[in-house]
Amino acid sequence: MTLNIGVIGTGAIGRDHIRRCSKVLQGARVVAVNDINRDNAAKAVSDLQLDARVYDNGHDLIKAADVQAVLVTS
């Protein structure tokens, strides 16, 4: 079973958590990201080669049907 994770905050700490959750941790994948600066979130998705949706706000990410757990790194 895979745990679908959403991450709020894509600064240095957020990117490190995203990388670990998507590349190191088995049984988890990052499916959603959000940052106060949408361009930063989109760049994180691109740089880390994720198949993840970028949300304009954290509330929508939290409510997303495919998100099972949320990491807040902001």
C-alpha atoms as a PDB file:
ATOM      1  CA  MET A   1       0.000   0.000   0.000  1.00  0.00           C
ATOM      2  CA  THR A   2       1.241   3.480  -0.850  1.00  0.00           C
ATOM      3  CA  LEU A   3       0.667   6.515   1.364  1.00  0.00           C
ATOM      4  CA  ASN A   4      -0.125   9.645  -0.671  1.00  0.00           C
ATOM      5  CA  ILE A   5       1.464  12.704   0.907  1.00  0.00           C
ATOM      6  CA  GLY A   6       0.839  16.407   0.447  1.00  0.00           C
ATOM      7  CA  VAL A   7       3.552  18.883   1.426  1.00  0.00           C
ATOM      8  CA  ILE A   8       2.945  22.499   2.398  1.00  0.00           C
ATOM      9  CA  GLY A   9       6.136  24.523   2.078  1.00  0.00           C
ATOM     10  CA  THR A  10       8.801  23.991  -0.583  1.00  0.00           C
ATOM     11  CA  GLY A  11      11.769  25.813   0.902  1.00  0.00           C
ATOM     12  CA  ALA A  12      14.991  23.992   1.775  1.00  0.00           C
ATOM     13  CA  ILE A  13      13.415  21.908   4.552  1.00  0.00           C
ATOM     14  CA  GLY A  14      10.312  21.172   2.476  1.00  0.00           C
ATOM     15  CA  ARG A  15      12.362  20.086  -0.516  1.00  0.00           C
ATOM     16  CA  ASP A  16      14.420  17.778   1.679  1.00  0.00           C
ATOM     17  CA  HIS A  17      11.270  16.172   3.086  1.00  0.00           C
ATOM     18  CA  ILE A  18       9.777  15.896  -0.409  1.00  0.00           C
ATOM     19  CA  ARG A  19      12.943  14.225  -1.692  1.00  0.00           C
ATOM     20  CA  ARG A  20      13.037  11.774   1.214  1.00  0.00           C
ATOM     21  CA  CYS A  21       9.328  10.925   0.963  1.00  0.00           C
ATOM     22  CA  SER A  22       9.416  10.423  -2.793  1.00  0.00           C
ATOM     23  CA  LYS A  23      12.877   8.921  -3.336  1.00  0.00           C
ATOM     24  CA  VAL A  24      13.940   7.241  -0.072  1.00  0.00           C
ATOM     25  CA  LEU A  25      10.886   6.252   1.959  1.00  0.00           C
ATOM     26  CA  GLN A  26       9.312   3.059   0.647  1.00  0.00           C
ATOM     27  CA  GLY A  27       5.538   2.958   0.422  1.00  0.00           C
ATOM     28  CA  ALA A  28       5.081   6.711   0.137  1.00  0.00           C
ATOM     29  CA  ARG A  29       4.756   9.207  -2.664  1.00  0.00           C
ATOM     30  CA  VAL A  30       4.266  12.954  -2.813  1.00  0.00           C
ATOM     31  CA  VAL A  31       1.110  13.695  -4.798  1.00  0.00           C
ATOM     32  CA  ALA A  32       0.540  17.352  -3.895  1.00  0.00           C
ATOM     33  CA  VAL A  33       2.595  20.413  -2.980  1.00  0.00           C
ATOM     34  CA  ASN A  34       1.843  23.984  -1.996  1.00  0.00           C
ATOM     35  CA  ASP A  35       3.920  27.049  -1.222  1.00  0.00           C
ATOM     36  CA  ILE A  36       3.058  30.686  -0.613  1.00  0.00           C
ATOM     37  CA  ASN A  37       5.036  31.246  -3.826  1.00  0.00           C
ATOM     38  CA  ARG A  38       3.411  29.007  -6.448  1.00  0.00           C
ATOM     39  CA  ASP A  39       6.456  29.243  -8.716  1.00  0.00           C
ATOM     40  CA  ASN A  40       8.634  27.732  -5.964  1.00  0.00           C
ATOM     41  CA  ALA A  41       6.210  24.824  -5.597  1.00  0.00           C
ATOM     42  CA  ALA A  42       6.147  24.242  -9.360  1.00  0.00           C
ATOM     43  CA  LYS A  43       9.952  24.379  -9.498  1.00  0.00           C
ATOM     44  CA  ALA A  44      10.219  21.811  -6.700  1.00  0.00           C
ATOM     45  CA  VAL A  45       7.913  19.456  -8.618  1.00  0.00           C
ATOM     46  CA  SER A  46       9.976  19.928 -11.771  1.00  0.00           C
ATOM     47  CA  ASP A  47      13.397  19.719 -10.095  1.00  0.00           C
ATOM     48  CA  LEU A  48      12.482  16.579  -8.148  1.00  0.00           C
ATOM     49  CA  GLN A  49      10.703  15.013 -11.151  1.00  0.00           C
ATOM     50  CA  LEU A  50       7.456  14.432  -9.274  1.00  0.00           C
ATOM     51  CA  ASP A  51       4.076  13.464 -10.596  1.00  0.00           C
ATOM     52  CA  ALA A  52       2.399  15.853  -8.164  1.00  0.00           C
ATOM     53  CA  ARG A  53      -0.223  18.552  -8.382  1.00  0.00           C
ATOM     54  CA  VAL A  54       0.643  22.107  -7.317  1.00  0.00           C
ATOM     55  CA  TYR A  55      -2.064  23.727  -5.195  1.00  0.00           C
ATOM     56  CA  ASP A  56      -2.601  27.469  -4.858  1.00  0.00           C
ATOM     57  CA  ASN A  57      -3.415  27.168  -1.155  1.00  0.00           C
ATOM     58  CA  GLY A  58      -2.929  24.733   1.672  1.00  0.00           C
ATOM     59  CA  HIS A  59      -6.641  24.364   2.387  1.00  0.00           C
ATOM     60  CA  ASP A  60      -7.300  22.867  -1.048  1.00  0.00           C
ATOM     61  CA  LEU A  61      -4.312  20.535  -0.687  1.00  0.00           C
ATOM     62  CA  ILE A  62      -5.584  19.296   2.687  1.00  0.00           C
ATOM     63  CA  LYS A  63      -9.068  18.692   1.253  1.00  0.00           C
ATOM     64  CA  ALA A  64      -7.795  16.870  -1.858  1.00  0.00           C
ATOM     65  CA  ALA A  65      -9.290  13.384  -2.160  1.00  0.00           C
ATOM     66  CA  ASP A  66      -5.984  11.704  -3.010  1.00  0.00           C
ATOM     67  CA  VAL A  67      -3.999  13.225  -0.110  1.00  0.00           C
ATOM     68  CA  GLN A  68      -3.859  10.867   2.875  1.00  0.00           C
ATOM     69  CA  ALA A  69      -1.251  12.667   4.995  1.00  0.00           C
ATOM     70  CA  VAL A  70       0.084  16.223   5.099  1.00  0.00           C
ATOM     71  CA  LEU A  71       3.536  17.503   6.034  1.00  0.00           C
ATOM     72  CA  VAL A  72       3.651  21.179   6.970  1.00  0.00           C
ATOM     73  CA  THR A  73       7.190  22.449   6.486  1.00  0.00           C
ATOM     74  CA  SER A  74       6.540  26.171   6.207  1.00  0.00           C
END
